[in-house]
Amino acid sequence: MAERVTKALMRPLLCYIIVVAVAPAGCAAFNPRMLFLVKPDPIVLKDHHGVVLSGNVTVNVLYYGRFTPAQRAVVAGFVRSASAAQHPRVPSVAAWWSTTSLYRGGGARLRLGMQLMDERMSLGRSLSLDNVTALARAAGHHRGAVTAVLTAPDVLVAPFCMSRCGVHGHGGGVGAHGRARYAYLWAGNPAQQCPGQCAWPFHQPVYGPQAPPLVPPNGDVGVDGMVISLAALLAGTVTNPFGDGYYQGDAGAGMEAATACAGVFGSGAFPGYPGKLLKDPVTGASYNAVGLAGRKYLLPALWDPTTSQCKTLV
């Protein structure tokens, strides 16, 4: 008997932006201006006792639009570094990711899976979130995998720059083996669209103190900014994959592992200041984590459930 597939059942998307303020109902959308006007109260994420991803988690990446080999290498290097064995004295990507293992039932080990390219932009240059869902679904999904849809700088996605730098969500369908749920995310390259929101601190912010922007560790404002979003979304995905894990606020619109610490990258951070960071003596680039082959990254602080504090590497 032929496999019968029903229409995917989609849950509310969970949204991410670098800056944090009060989230309105319906989605975790934040007003960037608030970051520089109000220092948010400490946040405690509630465990809603749902699924938290653990074990081997494959990250399949779909590049929508044109990405250079160098840009894809930055992304691939980050994912590969998250669960790689690295020197314990080095502030590594793996050390940053290890905070997610402190969540109840956590301990996801990321593995880079398929790297797919849709340079011809099969659904056009202007996408809706439904299009993003369709792209993730078409890329293939299975248990223990997350599909990351990354869009090029000239691709318009409906919520991009409207208080969102990316989203993660989940869907489910009925097939020969019963109902299965899958997780996916979208992050955009902000080089041409809202870099002051989604590429900060590598670009001057739209609002607030206009301090000189930092030099990006891989020399690419857009991709280094996109990695910040990707990192935050992956942390949110494994700790709250189906909307019933760790978050604060309304379901589908709550603060998560990274968004609870939005705007914090190093110790001593305060609104408008990312915190104390490391600096490459040759390039002058700022970073806080080192990956495989010595590649450097700037990654957002993660909320530590054992201390109820934002944890930084430096």
Protein backbone atom coordinates (compact mmCIF):
# COMPACT_ATOMS: atom_id res chain seq x y z
CA MET A 1 0.00 0.00 0.00
CA ALA A 2 1.40 3.30 -1.06
CA GLU A 3 2.55 5.56 1.71
CA ARG A 4 -0.04 8.15 2.58
CA VAL A 5 1.22 11.57 3.53
CA THR A 6 -0.93 14.30 5.00
CA LYS A 7 -0.29 18.00 4.94
CA ALA A 8 2.39 19.02 7.43
CA LEU A 9 1.08 20.39 10.69
CA MET A 10 3.01 23.46 11.62
CA ARG A 11 3.38 24.96 15.10
CA PRO A 12 4.16 28.60 15.85
CA LEU A 13 7.64 29.69 14.86
CA LEU A 14 10.12 30.80 17.49
CA CYS A 15 11.97 33.94 16.51
CA TYR A 16 15.42 35.32 17.14
CA ILE A 17 17.00 38.73 17.00
CA ILE A 18 20.26 39.94 18.48
CA VAL A 19 18.66 42.58 20.65
CA VAL A 20 16.13 42.04 23.38
CA ALA A 21 13.10 43.78 24.77
CA VAL A 22 9.47 42.96 25.53
CA ALA A 23 8.00 40.33 23.20
CA PRO A 24 4.48 40.86 21.94
CA ALA A 25 2.08 37.95 21.76
CA GLY A 26 2.33 35.52 18.88
CA CYS A 27 6.06 35.51 18.23
CA ALA A 28 9.30 36.36 19.97
CA ALA A 29 9.75 39.63 18.12
CA PHE A 30 11.77 42.35 19.77
CA ASN A 31 12.15 46.08 19.41
CA PRO A 32 15.86 46.82 18.85
CA ARG A 33 15.53 50.32 20.29
CA MET A 34 14.77 48.86 23.71
CA LEU A 35 18.20 47.29 24.05
CA PHE A 36 19.74 50.72 24.44
CA LEU A 37 17.04 52.26 26.61
CA VAL A 38 16.24 49.60 29.20
CA LYS A 39 18.53 47.09 30.85
CA PRO A 40 16.31 43.97 31.02
CA ASP A 41 15.61 42.22 34.30
CA PRO A 42 17.31 38.85 34.89
CA ILE A 43 15.55 36.05 33.07
CA VAL A 44 14.90 32.56 34.34
CA LEU A 45 13.88 30.03 31.72
CA LYS A 46 11.19 27.61 32.83
CA ASP A 47 11.46 23.91 32.06
CA HIS A 48 8.11 22.91 30.56
CA HIS A 49 9.22 19.25 30.64
CA GLY A 50 8.90 18.70 26.91
CA VAL A 51 11.45 17.19 24.55
CA VAL A 52 15.06 18.44 24.60
CA LEU A 53 17.27 17.10 21.82
CA SER A 54 20.15 14.85 22.84
CA GLY A 55 22.53 12.37 21.26
CA ASN A 56 23.72 12.80 17.68
CA VAL A 57 21.88 15.62 15.92
CA THR A 58 22.57 16.07 12.22
CA VAL A 59 22.49 19.63 10.88
CA ASN A 60 21.63 19.75 7.19
CA VAL A 61 22.29 23.15 5.60
CA LEU A 62 20.40 24.53 2.60
CA TYR A 63 22.02 27.61 1.06
CA TYR A 64 19.35 29.59 -0.77
CA GLY A 65 20.85 32.07 -3.20
CA ARG A 66 24.52 32.62 -3.88
CA PHE A 67 27.08 31.85 -1.19
CA THR A 68 30.79 31.75 -1.96
CA PRO A 69 32.87 28.69 -1.03
CA ALA A 70 34.58 30.83 1.65
CA GLN A 71 31.23 31.76 3.19
CA ARG A 72 30.05 28.14 3.22
CA ALA A 73 33.34 27.15 4.87
CA VAL A 74 32.68 29.57 7.75
CA VAL A 75 29.27 28.02 8.39
CA ALA A 76 30.45 24.42 7.99
CA GLY A 77 33.42 25.07 10.26
CA PHE A 78 31.14 26.40 12.99
CA VAL A 79 28.83 23.37 12.93
CA ARG A 80 31.74 20.91 12.83
CA SER A 81 33.45 22.70 15.71
CA ALA A 82 30.46 22.60 18.05
CA SER A 83 31.03 19.00 19.12
CA ALA A 84 34.71 18.60 18.28
CA ALA A 85 37.38 17.78 20.83
CA GLN A 86 39.48 20.89 21.38
CA HIS A 87 42.14 22.10 23.82
CA PRO A 88 40.49 22.61 27.23
CA ARG A 89 42.33 25.89 27.84
CA VAL A 90 41.11 27.46 24.60
CA PRO A 91 37.76 29.29 24.61
CA SER A 92 36.40 26.96 21.96
CA VAL A 93 33.17 26.63 20.01
CA ALA A 94 32.77 23.22 21.68
CA ALA A 95 33.05 24.80 25.14
CA TRP A 96 30.38 27.32 24.16
CA TRP A 97 28.07 24.56 22.90
CA SER A 98 28.61 22.42 26.02
CA THR A 99 26.32 24.77 27.97
CA THR A 100 23.36 23.20 26.16
CA SER A 101 24.23 19.86 27.80
CA LEU A 102 23.40 21.39 31.19
CA TYR A 103 19.71 21.53 30.30
CA ARG A 104 17.57 18.66 31.53
CA GLY A 105 17.87 15.80 29.06
CA GLY A 106 20.35 17.75 26.93
CA GLY A 107 23.68 16.77 25.47
CA ALA A 108 23.14 17.10 21.71
CA ARG A 109 26.23 16.36 19.62
CA LEU A 110 26.02 18.29 16.36
CA ARG A 111 27.10 16.62 13.13
CA LEU A 112 27.26 18.40 9.78
CA GLY A 113 25.08 16.53 7.31
CA MET A 114 24.09 17.48 3.78
CA GLN A 115 25.07 20.83 2.33
CA LEU A 116 22.54 21.68 -0.36
CA MET A 117 22.58 24.67 -2.71
CA ASP A 118 19.67 26.39 -4.40
CA GLU A 119 21.54 29.13 -6.24
CA ARG A 120 18.77 29.57 -8.80
CA MET A 121 16.32 30.41 -6.00
CA SER A 122 13.63 27.92 -6.97
CA LEU A 123 10.90 29.80 -5.08
CA GLY A 124 11.98 33.25 -6.20
CA ARG A 125 13.86 36.07 -4.52
CA SER A 126 11.06 37.01 -2.13
CA LEU A 127 10.05 34.37 0.42
CA SER A 128 7.44 33.99 3.12
CA LEU A 129 7.87 31.86 6.21
CA ASP A 130 5.66 29.27 4.52
CA ASN A 131 8.22 29.17 1.70
CA VAL A 132 10.99 28.62 4.24
CA THR A 133 9.01 25.74 5.72
CA ALA A 134 8.55 24.25 2.25
CA LEU A 135 12.27 24.51 1.53
CA ALA A 136 13.14 22.77 4.80
CA ARG A 137 10.58 20.05 4.13
CA ALA A 138 11.79 19.51 0.55
CA ALA A 139 15.38 19.24 1.74
CA GLY A 140 14.38 16.09 3.59
CA HIS A 141 13.98 15.56 7.29
CA HIS A 142 14.14 12.73 9.75
CA ARG A 143 14.37 12.12 13.45
CA GLY A 144 17.57 13.44 14.96
CA ALA A 145 18.11 16.08 12.28
CA VAL A 146 17.70 19.83 11.97
CA THR A 147 17.49 21.58 8.60
CA ALA A 148 19.04 25.07 8.51
CA VAL A 149 17.81 27.26 5.65
CA LEU A 150 20.27 30.11 5.10
CA THR A 151 19.37 32.91 2.69
CA ALA A 152 21.74 35.11 0.71
CA PRO A 153 21.94 38.90 1.25
CA ASP A 154 19.67 39.72 -1.72
CA VAL A 155 16.90 37.28 -0.75
CA LEU A 156 13.91 38.93 0.89
CA VAL A 157 12.19 36.95 3.65
CA ALA A 158 8.93 38.41 4.96
CA PRO A 159 9.94 38.95 8.63
CA PHE A 160 13.58 39.88 7.94
CA CYS A 161 14.34 43.35 9.32
CA MET A 162 10.90 43.51 10.90
CA SER A 163 12.41 42.74 14.31
CA ARG A 164 13.63 39.29 13.34
CA CYS A 165 16.99 37.95 12.15
CA GLY A 166 15.85 34.33 11.95
CA VAL A 167 13.37 31.80 13.28
CA HIS A 168 13.21 28.17 14.27
CA GLY A 169 10.16 26.01 14.10
CA HIS A 170 8.92 22.47 13.70
CA GLY A 171 6.47 20.44 11.72
CA GLY A 172 5.05 16.96 11.53
CA GLY A 173 3.36 14.61 9.12
CA VAL A 174 1.81 11.16 8.95
CA GLY A 175 3.55 8.49 6.90
CA ALA A 176 4.11 4.76 6.80
CA HIS A 177 5.85 4.84 10.15
CA GLY A 178 3.34 7.04 11.94
CA ARG A 179 3.66 10.64 13.04
CA ALA A 180 7.11 12.19 13.20
CA ARG A 181 8.15 15.69 14.21
CA TYR A 182 11.08 17.54 12.74
CA ALA A 183 12.86 20.79 13.53
CA TYR A 184 14.20 23.45 11.19
CA LEU A 185 15.45 27.01 11.25
CA TRP A 186 16.03 29.98 9.01
CA ALA A 187 18.71 32.66 9.28
CA GLY A 188 19.41 35.43 6.80
CA ASN A 189 22.65 37.05 5.70
CA PRO A 190 22.24 40.67 6.90
CA ALA A 191 24.99 42.25 4.77
CA GLN A 192 22.47 44.23 2.69
CA GLN A 193 19.40 44.10 4.90
CA CYS A 194 19.31 45.56 8.42
CA PRO A 195 22.99 45.05 9.31
CA GLY A 196 22.51 47.47 12.19
CA GLN A 197 20.13 44.98 13.76
CA CYS A 198 21.33 41.56 12.64
CA ALA A 199 25.07 42.10 12.11
CA TRP A 200 25.71 44.05 15.33
CA PRO A 201 28.34 44.41 16.79
CA PHE A 202 30.06 44.21 13.37
CA HIS A 203 27.93 47.12 12.17
CA GLN A 204 26.80 50.27 13.92
CA PRO A 205 23.36 49.78 15.50
CA VAL A 206 20.25 51.48 14.20
CA TYR A 207 19.54 52.91 17.64
CA GLY A 208 21.52 53.75 20.73
CA PRO A 209 25.23 54.45 21.25
CA GLN A 210 27.12 54.68 17.98
CA ALA A 211 30.40 53.06 18.99
CA PRO A 212 32.72 51.98 16.16
CA PRO A 213 31.75 48.52 14.86
CA LEU A 214 34.01 45.56 15.62
CA VAL A 215 36.08 43.83 12.97
CA PRO A 216 34.42 40.48 12.10
CA PRO A 217 36.60 37.42 12.77
CA ASN A 218 36.18 35.98 9.28
CA GLY A 219 36.28 39.31 7.48
CA ASP A 220 32.65 39.08 6.37
CA VAL A 221 30.11 41.25 8.20
CA GLY A 222 27.16 39.38 6.72
CA VAL A 223 28.30 35.82 7.32
CA ASP A 224 29.83 36.53 10.73
CA GLY A 225 26.55 38.19 11.69
CA MET A 226 24.57 35.27 10.29
CA VAL A 227 26.64 32.82 12.36
CA ILE A 228 25.55 34.67 15.51
CA SER A 229 21.93 34.09 14.50
CA LEU A 230 22.60 30.48 13.48
CA ALA A 231 24.32 29.77 16.79
CA ALA A 232 21.44 31.25 18.80
CA LEU A 233 18.85 29.37 16.76
CA LEU A 234 20.62 26.03 17.10
CA ALA A 235 20.82 26.51 20.87
CA GLY A 236 17.13 27.37 20.96
CA THR A 237 16.27 24.41 18.75
CA VAL A 238 17.95 21.75 20.88
CA THR A 239 16.68 23.15 24.20
CA ASN A 240 13.16 23.92 22.95
CA PRO A 241 12.66 22.03 19.68
CA PHE A 242 8.89 21.62 19.77
CA GLY A 243 7.79 24.54 21.89
CA ASP A 244 7.52 22.66 25.17
CA GLY A 245 11.12 22.70 26.42
CA TYR A 246 12.98 25.58 28.07
CA TYR A 247 11.60 29.08 27.55
CA GLN A 248 10.14 32.05 29.40
CA GLY A 249 6.89 33.67 28.36
CA ASP A 250 4.15 32.49 26.06
CA ALA A 251 4.56 29.28 24.10
CA GLY A 252 5.94 30.12 20.67
CA ALA A 253 6.90 33.61 21.79
CA GLY A 254 9.24 33.06 24.70
CA MET A 255 12.86 33.82 25.50
CA GLU A 256 15.19 30.88 24.96
CA ALA A 257 18.77 29.78 25.66
CA ALA A 258 20.44 32.55 23.65
CA THR A 259 17.71 35.18 23.41
CA ALA A 260 17.64 35.33 27.19
CA CYS A 261 21.18 36.71 26.92
CA ALA A 262 20.71 38.82 23.79
CA GLY A 263 23.43 41.40 23.23
CA VAL A 264 25.87 39.65 25.60
CA PHE A 265 29.06 38.20 24.12
CA GLY A 266 31.66 38.69 26.82
CA SER A 267 31.99 39.50 30.51
CA GLY A 268 30.98 42.98 31.61
CA ALA A 269 28.47 43.43 28.77
CA PHE A 270 25.77 46.06 29.11
CA PRO A 271 23.24 47.52 26.65
CA GLY A 272 25.14 48.72 23.62
CA TYR A 273 28.44 47.12 24.71
CA PRO A 274 29.02 43.44 23.80
CA GLY A 275 31.46 42.83 26.64
CA LYS A 276 35.14 42.01 26.94
CA LEU A 277 36.33 40.08 23.89
CA LEU A 278 39.52 38.64 22.48
CA LYS A 279 41.24 40.44 19.61
CA ASP A 280 43.33 38.97 16.82
CA PRO A 281 46.70 40.76 16.94
CA VAL A 282 47.10 40.62 13.15
CA THR A 283 43.64 41.47 11.81
CA GLY A 284 42.23 43.31 14.81
CA ALA A 285 39.12 41.13 14.62
CA SER A 286 37.07 40.52 17.76
CA TYR A 287 36.05 36.99 18.77
CA ASN A 288 35.25 34.84 21.78
CA ALA A 289 35.53 31.28 20.46
CA VAL A 290 37.99 29.27 18.39
CA GLY A 291 36.91 26.43 16.13
CA LEU A 292 38.65 23.72 14.15
CA ALA A 293 41.78 24.76 12.26
CA GLY A 294 41.94 27.89 14.41
CA ARG A 295 38.95 29.59 12.78
CA LYS A 296 37.52 32.29 15.04
CA TYR A 297 33.90 33.14 15.82
CA LEU A 298 31.86 35.57 17.89
CA LEU A 299 29.05 33.64 19.61
CA PRO A 300 26.22 34.81 21.86
CA ALA A 301 26.20 34.06 25.57
CA LEU A 302 23.95 31.18 26.63
CA TRP A 303 21.73 30.99 29.69
CA ASP A 304 23.15 28.47 32.17
CA PRO A 305 20.37 26.55 33.97
CA THR A 306 22.70 25.59 36.83
CA THR A 307 23.42 29.22 37.76
CA SER A 308 20.50 31.10 36.14
CA GLN A 309 23.12 33.41 34.64
CA CYS A 310 24.29 34.22 31.13
CA LYS A 311 27.47 32.23 30.56
CA THR A 312 30.32 33.70 28.52
CA LEU A 313 33.65 32.20 27.49
CA VAL A 314 35.71 35.35 28.05
